[in-house]
Amino acid sequence: ATSMWLPLPPETVFNFFRDERTRSQWDVLSNGNSVQEVAHVTN
């Protein structure tokens, strides 16, 4: 685990991580492959 500071509002960073279209930009284990959401539950 590690922590860092980014000069961006938390909402912007949160939307970046939860968007499956941008996942390949940070997910090292995806090998650059895109992902698609096949199920969704609102909570």
All heavy atoms as atom14 arrays in JSON, in Angstrom:
{
  "sequence": "ATSMWLPLPPETVFNFFRDERTRSQWDVLSNGNSVQEVAHVTN",
  "atom14_mask": [
    [1, 1, 1, 1, 1, 0, 0, 0, 0, 0, 0, 0, 0, 0],
    [1, 1, 1, 1, 1, 1, 1, 0, 0, 0, 0, 0, 0, 0],
    [1, 1, 1, 1, 1, 1, 0, 0, 0, 0, 0, 0, 0, 0],
    [1, 1, 1, 1, 1, 1, 1, 1, 0, 0, 0, 0, 0, 0],
    [1, 1, 1, 1, 1, 1, 1, 1, 1, 1, 1, 1, 1, 1],
    [1, 1, 1, 1, 1, 1, 1, 1, 0, 0, 0, 0, 0, 0],
    [1, 1, 1, 1, 1, 1, 1, 0, 0, 0, 0, 0, 0, 0],
    [1, 1, 1, 1, 1, 1, 1, 1, 0, 0, 0, 0, 0, 0],
    [1, 1, 1, 1, 1, 1, 1, 0, 0, 0, 0, 0, 0, 0],
    [1, 1, 1, 1, 1, 1, 1, 0, 0, 0, 0, 0, 0, 0],
    [1, 1, 1, 1, 1, 1, 1, 1, 1, 0, 0, 0, 0, 0],
    [1, 1, 1, 1, 1, 1, 1, 0, 0, 0, 0, 0, 0, 0],
    [1, 1, 1, 1, 1, 1, 1, 0, 0, 0, 0, 0, 0, 0],
    [1, 1, 1, 1, 1, 1, 1, 1, 1, 1, 1, 0, 0, 0],
    [1, 1, 1, 1, 1, 1, 1, 1, 0, 0, 0, 0, 0, 0],
    [1, 1, 1, 1, 1, 1, 1, 1, 1, 1, 1, 0, 0, 0],
    [1, 1, 1, 1, 1, 1, 1, 1, 1, 1, 1, 0, 0, 0],
    [1, 1, 1, 1, 1, 1, 1, 1, 1, 1, 1, 0, 0, 0],
    [1, 1, 1, 1, 1, 1, 1, 1, 0, 0, 0, 0, 0, 0],
    [1, 1, 1, 1, 1, 1, 1, 1, 1, 0, 0, 0, 0, 0],
    [1, 1, 1, 1, 1, 1, 1, 1, 1, 1, 1, 0, 0, 0],
    [1, 1, 1, 1, 1, 1, 1, 0, 0, 0, 0, 0, 0, 0],
    [1, 1, 1, 1, 1, 1, 1, 1, 1, 1, 1, 0, 0, 0],
    [1, 1, 1, 1, 1, 1, 0, 0, 0, 0, 0, 0, 0, 0],
    [1, 1, 1, 1, 1, 1, 1, 1, 1, 0, 0, 0, 0, 0],
    [1, 1, 1, 1, 1, 1, 1, 1, 1, 1, 1, 1, 1, 1],
    [1, 1, 1, 1, 1, 1, 1, 1, 0, 0, 0, 0, 0, 0],
    [1, 1, 1, 1, 1, 1, 1, 0, 0, 0, 0, 0, 0, 0],
    [1, 1, 1, 1, 1, 1, 1, 1, 0, 0, 0, 0, 0, 0],
    [1, 1, 1, 1, 1, 1, 0, 0, 0, 0, 0, 0, 0, 0],
    [1, 1, 1, 1, 1, 1, 1, 1, 0, 0, 0, 0, 0, 0],
    [1, 1, 1, 1, 0, 0, 0, 0, 0, 0, 0, 0, 0, 0],
    [1, 1, 1, 1, 1, 1, 1, 1, 0, 0, 0, 0, 0, 0],
    [1, 1, 1, 1, 1, 1, 0, 0, 0, 0, 0, 0, 0, 0],
    [1, 1, 1, 1, 1, 1, 1, 0, 0, 0, 0, 0, 0, 0],
    [1, 1, 1, 1, 1, 1, 1, 1, 1, 0, 0, 0, 0, 0],
    [1, 1, 1, 1, 1, 1, 1, 1, 1, 0, 0, 0, 0, 0],
    [1, 1, 1, 1, 1, 1, 1, 0, 0, 0, 0, 0, 0, 0],
    [1, 1, 1, 1, 1, 0, 0, 0, 0, 0, 0, 0, 0, 0],
    [1, 1, 1, 1, 1, 1, 1, 1, 1, 1, 0, 0, 0, 0],
    [1, 1, 1, 1, 1, 1, 1, 0, 0, 0, 0, 0, 0, 0],
    [1, 1, 1, 1, 1, 1, 1, 0, 0, 0, 0, 0, 0, 0],
    [1, 1, 1, 1, 1, 1, 1, 1, 0, 0, 0, 0, 0, 0]
  ],
  "atom14_positions": [
    [[0.84, -1.2, 0.0], [0.0, 0.0, 0.0], [0.87, 1.24, 0.0], [1.96, 1.25, 0.59], [-0.94, 0.0, 1.21], [0.0, 0.0, 0.0], [0.0, 0.0, 0.0], [0.0, 0.0, 0.0], [0.0, 0.0, 0.0], [0.0, 0.0, 0.0], [0.0, 0.0, 0.0], [0.0, 0.0, 0.0], [0.0, 0.0, 0.0], [0.0, 0.0, 0.0]],
    [[0.4, 2.28, -0.65], [1.06, 3.57, -0.65], [0.01, 4.66, -0.82], [-1.11, 4.37, -1.24], [2.11, 3.66, -1.77], [2.89, 4.84, -1.59], [1.45, 3.72, -3.15], [0.0, 0.0, 0.0], [0.0, 0.0, 0.0], [0.0, 0.0, 0.0], [0.0, 0.0, 0.0], [0.0, 0.0, 0.0], [0.0, 0.0, 0.0], [0.0, 0.0, 0.0]],
    [[0.37, 5.88, -0.48], [-0.54, 7.02, -0.61], [0.14, 8.14, -1.36], [1.38, 8.26, -1.34], [-1.0, 7.52, 0.76], [-1.77, 6.54, 1.43], [0.0, 0.0, 0.0], [0.0, 0.0, 0.0], [0.0, 0.0, 0.0], [0.0, 0.0, 0.0], [0.0, 0.0, 0.0], [0.0, 0.0, 0.0], [0.0, 0.0, 0.0], [0.0, 0.0, 0.0]],
    [[-0.66, 8.98, -2.02], [-0.11, 10.1, -2.79], [-1.13, 11.22, -2.85], [-2.32, 11.03, -2.59], [0.25, 9.65, -4.21], [-0.94, 9.11, -5.0], [-0.45, 8.53, -6.63], [-1.96, 7.69, -7.16], [0.0, 0.0, 0.0], [0.0, 0.0, 0.0], [0.0, 0.0, 0.0], [0.0, 0.0, 0.0], [0.0, 0.0, 0.0], [0.0, 0.0, 0.0]],
    [[-0.66, 12.42, -3.21], [-1.51, 13.59, -3.38], [-1.61, 13.92, -4.86], [-0.61, 13.88, -5.58], [-0.92, 14.78, -2.62], [-1.73, 16.05, -2.75], [-2.79, 16.42, -1.98], [-1.51, 17.11, -3.68], [-3.27, 17.65, -2.38], [-2.51, 18.1, -3.43], [-0.61, 17.33, -4.72], [-2.59, 19.28, -4.16], [-0.69, 18.51, -5.46], [-1.68, 19.47, -5.17]],
    [[-2.83, 14.23, -5.32], [-3.05, 14.65, -6.7], [-3.8, 15.98, -6.71], [-4.73, 16.17, -5.92], [-3.86, 13.6, -7.47], [-3.21, 12.24, -7.71], [-4.15, 11.34, -8.49], [-1.88, 12.38, -8.45], [0.0, 0.0, 0.0], [0.0, 0.0, 0.0], [0.0, 0.0, 0.0], [0.0, 0.0, 0.0], [0.0, 0.0, 0.0], [0.0, 0.0, 0.0]],
    [[-3.42, 16.89, -7.61], [-4.08, 18.2, -7.66], [-5.39, 18.16, -8.44], [-5.63, 18.96, -9.36], [-3.03, 19.07, -8.38], [-2.35, 18.12, -9.3], [-2.29, 16.8, -8.56], [0.0, 0.0, 0.0], [0.0, 0.0, 0.0], [0.0, 0.0, 0.0], [0.0, 0.0, 0.0], [0.0, 0.0, 0.0], [0.0, 0.0, 0.0], [0.0, 0.0, 0.0]],
    [[-6.25, 17.22, -8.08], [-7.54, 17.04, -8.75], [-8.62, 16.86, -7.69], [-8.36, 16.31, -6.62], [-7.51, 15.81, -9.66], [-6.56, 15.84, -10.86], [-6.5, 14.46, -11.5], [-6.99, 16.89, -11.87], [0.0, 0.0, 0.0], [0.0, 0.0, 0.0], [0.0, 0.0, 0.0], [0.0, 0.0, 0.0], [0.0, 0.0, 0.0], [0.0, 0.0, 0.0]],
    [[-9.86, 17.29, -7.98], [-10.93, 17.07, -7.02], [-11.23, 15.58, -6.85], [-11.08, 14.81, -7.81], [-12.13, 17.81, -7.62], [-11.76, 18.12, -9.01], [-10.28, 18.05, -9.16], [0.0, 0.0, 0.0], [0.0, 0.0, 0.0], [0.0, 0.0, 0.0], [0.0, 0.0, 0.0], [0.0, 0.0, 0.0], [0.0, 0.0, 0.0], [0.0, 0.0, 0.0]],
    [[-11.6, 15.14, -5.67], [-11.87, 13.71, -5.44], [-12.89, 13.12, -6.41], [-12.77, 11.96, -6.8], [-12.38, 13.68, -4.0], [-11.75, 14.87, -3.35], [-11.69, 15.92, -4.42], [0.0, 0.0, 0.0], [0.0, 0.0, 0.0], [0.0, 0.0, 0.0], [0.0, 0.0, 0.0], [0.0, 0.0, 0.0], [0.0, 0.0, 0.0], [0.0, 0.0, 0.0]],
    [[-13.89, 13.9, -6.79], [-14.92, 13.38, -7.7], [-14.32, 12.99, -9.05], [-14.69, 11.98, -9.64], [-16.02, 14.43, -7.89], [-17.18, 13.93, -8.75], [-18.26, 14.97, -8.9], [-18.14, 16.06, -8.31], [-19.24, 14.69, -9.62], [0.0, 0.0, 0.0], [0.0, 0.0, 0.0], [0.0, 0.0, 0.0], [0.0, 0.0, 0.0], [0.0, 0.0, 0.0]],
    [[-13.37, 13.79, -9.55], [-12.73, 13.49, -10.83], [-11.95, 12.18, -10.75], [-12.03, 11.32, -11.64], [-11.78, 14.64, -11.23], [-12.54, 15.85, -11.37], [-11.08, 14.33, -12.54], [0.0, 0.0, 0.0], [0.0, 0.0, 0.0], [0.0, 0.0, 0.0], [0.0, 0.0, 0.0], [0.0, 0.0, 0.0], [0.0, 0.0, 0.0], [0.0, 0.0, 0.0]],
    [[-11.19, 12.0, -9.68], [-10.4, 10.78, -9.51], [-11.31, 9.57, -9.35], [-11.06, 8.49, -9.92], [-9.46, 10.92, -8.31], [-8.6, 9.67, -8.14], [-8.56, 12.15, -8.45], [0.0, 0.0, 0.0], [0.0, 0.0, 0.0], [0.0, 0.0, 0.0], [0.0, 0.0, 0.0], [0.0, 0.0, 0.0], [0.0, 0.0, 0.0], [0.0, 0.0, 0.0]],
    [[-12.39, 9.7, -8.59], [-13.33, 8.6, -8.37], [-13.95, 8.15, -9.69], [-14.02, 6.95, -9.99], [-14.41, 9.05, -7.38], [-15.52, 8.06, -7.19], [-15.29, 6.82, -6.62], [-16.82, 8.36, -7.6], [-16.32, 5.91, -6.44], [-17.85, 7.46, -7.43], [-17.6, 6.23, -6.85], [0.0, 0.0, 0.0], [0.0, 0.0, 0.0], [0.0, 0.0, 0.0]],
    [[-14.41, 9.1, -10.51], [-15.02, 8.74, -11.8], [-14.01, 8.06, -12.72], [-14.37, 7.17, -13.5], [-15.58, 9.99, -12.47], [-16.81, 10.54, -11.74], [-17.52, 9.79, -11.08], [-17.04, 11.83, -11.84], [0.0, 0.0, 0.0], [0.0, 0.0, 0.0], [0.0, 0.0, 0.0], [0.0, 0.0, 0.0], [0.0, 0.0, 0.0], [0.0, 0.0, 0.0]],
    [[-12.75, 8.47, -12.63], [-11.71, 7.85, -13.46], [-11.53, 6.37, -13.09], [-11.46, 5.5, -13.97], [-10.39, 8.61, -13.28], [-9.2, 7.92, -13.86], [-8.99, 7.89, -15.24], [-8.27, 7.3, -13.04], [-7.88, 7.25, -15.77], [-7.16, 6.65, -13.57], [-6.96, 6.63, -14.94], [0.0, 0.0, 0.0], [0.0, 0.0, 0.0], [0.0, 0.0, 0.0]],
    [[-11.49, 6.06, -11.8], [-11.26, 4.67, -11.38], [-12.45, 3.77, -11.65], [-12.28, 2.6, -11.98], [-10.9, 4.63, -9.89], [-9.49, 5.04, -9.59], [-9.22, 5.97, -8.59], [-8.43, 4.52, -10.29], [-7.93, 6.36, -8.3], [-7.13, 4.89, -10.01], [-6.87, 5.82, -9.02], [0.0, 0.0, 0.0], [0.0, 0.0, 0.0], [0.0, 0.0, 0.0]],
    [[-13.66, 4.27, -11.52], [-14.83, 3.39, -11.65], [-15.31, 3.23, -13.08], [-16.18, 2.41, -13.36], [-15.97, 3.89, -10.76], [-16.71, 5.1, -11.28], [-17.79, 5.53, -10.3], [-18.63, 6.58, -10.83], [-19.75, 6.37, -11.5], [-20.16, 5.13, -11.71], [-20.47, 7.37, -11.97], [0.0, 0.0, 0.0], [0.0, 0.0, 0.0], [0.0, 0.0, 0.0]],
    [[-14.75, 3.99, -14.01], [-15.15, 3.91, -15.41], [-14.42, 2.75, -16.07], [-13.2, 2.75, -16.19], [-14.81, 5.23, -16.12], [-15.4, 5.29, -17.53], [-15.85, 4.26, -18.05], [-15.41, 6.41, -18.1], [0.0, 0.0, 0.0], [0.0, 0.0, 0.0], [0.0, 0.0, 0.0], [0.0, 0.0, 0.0], [0.0, 0.0, 0.0], [0.0, 0.0, 0.0]],
    [[-15.18, 1.74, -16.53], [-14.54, 0.57, -17.14], [-13.82, 0.92, -18.44], [-12.91, 0.21, -18.87], [-15.58, -0.53, -17.41], [-16.63, -0.22, -18.46], [-17.85, 0.46, -17.88], [-17.79, 0.93, -16.72], [-18.87, 0.52, -18.58], [0.0, 0.0, 0.0], [0.0, 0.0, 0.0], [0.0, 0.0, 0.0], [0.0, 0.0, 0.0], [0.0, 0.0, 0.0]],
    [[-14.17, 2.06, -19.07], [-13.52, 2.45, -20.33], [-12.09, 2.95, -20.1], [-11.27, 2.94, -21.02], [-14.35, 3.53, -21.03], [-15.73, 3.04, -21.49], [-16.58, 4.21, -21.94], [-16.83, 5.14, -20.84], [-17.57, 6.24, -20.96], [-18.13, 6.55, -22.12], [-17.75, 7.03, -19.91], [0.0, 0.0, 0.0], [0.0, 0.0, 0.0], [0.0, 0.0, 0.0]],
    [[-11.77, 3.41, -18.91], [-10.41, 3.91, -18.62], [-9.59, 2.93, -17.79], [-8.47, 3.24, -17.41], [-10.49, 5.25, -17.87], [-11.19, 5.05, -16.62], [-11.23, 6.3, -18.69], [0.0, 0.0, 0.0], [0.0, 0.0, 0.0], [0.0, 0.0, 0.0], [0.0, 0.0, 0.0], [0.0, 0.0, 0.0], [0.0, 0.0, 0.0], [0.0, 0.0, 0.0]],
    [[-10.14, 1.75, -17.55], [-9.46, 0.8, -16.67], [-8.1, 0.36, -17.23], [-7.13, 0.2, -16.47], [-10.34, -0.42, -16.43], [-9.78, -1.37, -15.36], [-10.64, -2.6, -15.16], [-10.16, -3.37, -14.04], [-10.59, -3.24, -12.78], [-11.51, -2.35, -12.51], [-10.09, -3.99, -11.82], [0.0, 0.0, 0.0], [0.0, 0.0, 0.0], [0.0, 0.0, 0.0]],
    [[-8.03, 0.17, -18.53], [-6.78, -0.3, -19.12], [-5.64, 0.7, -18.96], [-4.47, 0.34, -19.1], [-6.99, -0.59, -20.61], [-7.41, 0.59, -21.29], [0.0, 0.0, 0.0], [0.0, 0.0, 0.0], [0.0, 0.0, 0.0], [0.0, 0.0, 0.0], [0.0, 0.0, 0.0], [0.0, 0.0, 0.0], [0.0, 0.0, 0.0], [0.0, 0.0, 0.0]],
    [[-5.96, 1.96, -18.61], [-4.92, 2.97, -18.45], [-4.15, 2.83, -17.14], [-3.04, 3.35, -17.01], [-5.54, 4.37, -18.54], [-6.21, 4.67, -19.87], [-6.79, 6.08, -19.92], [-6.22, 7.02, -19.38], [-7.93, 6.22, -20.57], [0.0, 0.0, 0.0], [0.0, 0.0, 0.0], [0.0, 0.0, 0.0], [0.0, 0.0, 0.0], [0.0, 0.0, 0.0]],
    [[-4.77, 2.15, -16.13], [-4.08, 2.02, -14.85], [-3.92, 0.58, -14.39], [-3.08, 0.28, -13.54], [-4.8, 2.81, -13.76], [-6.25, 2.44, -13.55], [-7.34, 3.08, -14.06], [-6.77, 1.34, -12.78], [-8.51, 2.46, -13.66], [-8.18, 1.4, -12.87], [-6.18, 0.34, -12.03], [-9.01, 0.47, -12.25], [-7.0, -0.59, -11.39], [-8.4, -0.5, -11.51]],
    [[-4.75, -0.35, -14.92], [-4.71, -1.73, -14.46], [-3.56, -2.47, -15.12], [-3.64, -2.87, -16.28], [-6.05, -2.42, -14.77], [-6.16, -3.78, -14.08], [-5.14, -4.25, -13.53], [-7.26, -4.34, -14.07], [0.0, 0.0, 0.0], [0.0, 0.0, 0.0], [0.0, 0.0, 0.0], [0.0, 0.0, 0.0], [0.0, 0.0, 0.0], [0.0, 0.0, 0.0]],
    [[-2.47, -2.63, -14.38], [-1.28, -3.28, -14.92], [-1.57, -4.72, -15.31], [-1.05, -5.23, -16.32], [-0.14, -3.23, -13.88], [1.11, -3.93, -14.41], [0.17, -1.79, -13.51], [0.0, 0.0, 0.0], [0.0, 0.0, 0.0], [0.0, 0.0, 0.0], [0.0, 0.0, 0.0], [0.0, 0.0, 0.0], [0.0, 0.0, 0.0], [0.0, 0.0, 0.0]],
    [[-2.44, -5.4, -14.57], [-2.7, -6.82, -14.8], [-3.64, -7.07, -15.97], [-3.84, -8.21, -16.37], [-3.28, -7.44, -13.53], [-2.39, -7.35, -12.28], [-3.08, -8.0, -11.09], [-1.03, -8.0, -12.53], [0.0, 0.0, 0.0], [0.0, 0.0, 0.0], [0.0, 0.0, 0.0], [0.0, 0.0, 0.0], [0.0, 0.0, 0.0], [0.0, 0.0, 0.0]],
    [[-4.25, -6.01, -16.53], [-5.16, -6.2, -17.66], [-4.42, -6.32, -18.98], [-5.03, -6.63, -20.01], [-6.14, -5.03, -17.74], [-5.46, -3.84, -18.12], [0.0, 0.0, 0.0], [0.0, 0.0, 0.0], [0.0, 0.0, 0.0], [0.0, 0.0, 0.0], [0.0, 0.0, 0.0], [0.0, 0.0, 0.0], [0.0, 0.0, 0.0], [0.0, 0.0, 0.0]],
    [[-3.11, -6.03, -18.96], [-2.28, -6.12, -20.17], [-2.82, -5.23, -21.3], [-2.71, -5.58, -22.48], [-2.18, -7.57, -20.66], [-1.48, -8.46, -19.65], [-0.48, -8.06, -19.05], [-2.01, -9.66, -19.45], [0.0, 0.0, 0.0], [0.0, 0.0, 0.0], [0.0, 0.0, 0.0], [0.0, 0.0, 0.0], [0.0, 0.0, 0.0], [0.0, 0.0, 0.0]],
    [[-3.41, -4.11, -20.93], [-3.92, -3.18, -21.92], [-5.26, -3.54, -22.51], [-5.79, -2.81, -23.36], [0.0, 0.0, 0.0], [0.0, 0.0, 0.0], [0.0, 0.0, 0.0], [0.0, 0.0, 0.0], [0.0, 0.0, 0.0], [0.0, 0.0, 0.0], [0.0, 0.0, 0.0], [0.0, 0.0, 0.0], [0.0, 0.0, 0.0], [0.0, 0.0, 0.0]],
    [[-5.86, -4.67, -22.09], [-7.16, -5.08, -22.62], [-8.28, -4.29, -21.95], [-8.21, -3.99, -20.75], [-7.38, -6.57, -22.4], [-6.38, -7.43, -23.16], [-5.96, -7.06, -24.25], [-6.01, -8.56, -22.58], [0.0, 0.0, 0.0], [0.0, 0.0, 0.0], [0.0, 0.0, 0.0], [0.0, 0.0, 0.0], [0.0, 0.0, 0.0], [0.0, 0.0, 0.0]],
    [[-9.3, -3.98, -22.71], [-10.46, -3.28, -22.16], [-11.37, -4.26, -21.43], [-11.26, -5.48, -21.59], [-11.24, -2.58, -23.28], [-11.71, -3.56, -24.22], [0.0, 0.0, 0.0], [0.0, 0.0, 0.0], [0.0, 0.0, 0.0], [0.0, 0.0, 0.0], [0.0, 0.0, 0.0], [0.0, 0.0, 0.0], [0.0, 0.0, 0.0], [0.0, 0.0, 0.0]],
    [[-12.24, -3.73, -20.59], [-13.22, -4.55, -19.86], [-14.62, -4.02, -20.14], [-14.79, -2.86, -20.55], [-12.95, -4.52, -18.34], [-11.6, -5.11, -18.01], [-13.06, -3.11, -17.79], [0.0, 0.0, 0.0], [0.0, 0.0, 0.0], [0.0, 0.0, 0.0], [0.0, 0.0, 0.0], [0.0, 0.0, 0.0], [0.0, 0.0, 0.0], [0.0, 0.0, 0.0]],
    [[-15.59, -4.86, -19.95], [-16.98, -4.45, -20.12], [-17.8, -4.88, -18.91], [-17.53, -5.92, -18.31], [-17.58, -5.05, -21.4], [-17.65, -6.57, -21.41], [-18.17, -7.12, -22.72], [-17.95, -6.53, -23.77], [-18.87, -8.25, -22.66], [0.0, 0.0, 0.0], [0.0, 0.0, 0.0], [0.0, 0.0, 0.0], [0.0, 0.0, 0.0], [0.0, 0.0, 0.0]],
    [[-18.77, -4.06, -18.57], [-19.64, -4.35, -17.43], [-20.76, -5.26, -17.89], [-21.53, -4.92, -18.79], [-20.21, -3.06, -16.85], [-21.0, -3.25, -15.57], [-21.55, -1.94, -15.03], [-22.18, -1.19, -15.82], [-21.35, -1.65, -13.83], [0.0, 0.0, 0.0], [0.0, 0.0, 0.0], [0.0, 0.0, 0.0], [0.0, 0.0, 0.0], [0.0, 0.0, 0.0]],
    [[-20.87, -6.42, -17.26], [-21.9, -7.39, -17.65], [-23.01, -7.49, -16.61], [-24.03, -8.15, -16.86], [-21.28, -8.78, -17.89], [-20.35, -8.73, -19.09], [-20.53, -9.26, -16.65], [0.0, 0.0, 0.0], [0.0, 0.0, 0.0], [0.0, 0.0, 0.0], [0.0, 0.0, 0.0], [0.0, 0.0, 0.0], [0.0, 0.0, 0.0], [0.0, 0.0, 0.0]],
    [[-22.84, -6.88, -15.44], [-23.9, -6.85, -14.43], [-23.7, -5.62, -13.56], [-22.56, -5.18, -13.34], [-23.91, -8.12, -13.59], [0.0, 0.0, 0.0], [0.0, 0.0, 0.0], [0.0, 0.0, 0.0], [0.0, 0.0, 0.0], [0.0, 0.0, 0.0], [0.0, 0.0, 0.0], [0.0, 0.0, 0.0], [0.0, 0.0, 0.0], [0.0, 0.0, 0.0]],
    [[-24.79, -5.08, -13.05], [-24.73, -3.83, -12.29], [-25.84, -3.84, -11.24], [-27.0, -4.1, -11.55], [-24.92, -2.64, -13.24], [-24.82, -1.3, -12.57], [-23.65, -0.57, -12.53], [-25.75, -0.55, -11.92], [-23.86, 0.57, -11.89], [-25.13, 0.6, -11.51], [0.0, 0.0, 0.0], [0.0, 0.0, 0.0], [0.0, 0.0, 0.0], [0.0, 0.0, 0.0]],
    [[-25.48, -3.56, -9.99], [-26.45, -3.49, -8.89], [-26.3, -2.14, -8.22], [-25.2, -1.79, -7.76], [-26.23, -4.63, -7.87], [-27.19, -4.46, -6.69], [-26.42, -5.98, -8.52], [0.0, 0.0, 0.0], [0.0, 0.0, 0.0], [0.0, 0.0, 0.0], [0.0, 0.0, 0.0], [0.0, 0.0, 0.0], [0.0, 0.0, 0.0], [0.0, 0.0, 0.0]],
    [[-27.37, -1.38, -8.14], [-27.35, -0.08, -7.47], [-27.49, -0.27, -5.97], [-28.33, -1.05, -5.51], [-28.5, 0.81, -7.99], [-28.33, 1.0, -9.39], [-28.51, 2.15, -7.29], [0.0, 0.0, 0.0], [0.0, 0.0, 0.0], [0.0, 0.0, 0.0], [0.0, 0.0, 0.0], [0.0, 0.0, 0.0], [0.0, 0.0, 0.0], [0.0, 0.0, 0.0]],
    [[-26.67, 0.43, -5.18], [-26.78, 0.31, -3.73], [-26.72, 1.66, -3.03], [-26.17, 1.79, -1.95], [-25.71, -0.64, -3.18], [-24.3, -0.13, -3.44], [-24.11, 0.92, -4.05], [-23.31, -0.86, -2.96], [0.0, 0.0, 0.0], [0.0, 0.0, 0.0], [0.0, 0.0, 0.0], [0.0, 0.0, 0.0], [0.0, 0.0, 0.0], [0.0, 0.0, 0.0]]
  ]
}
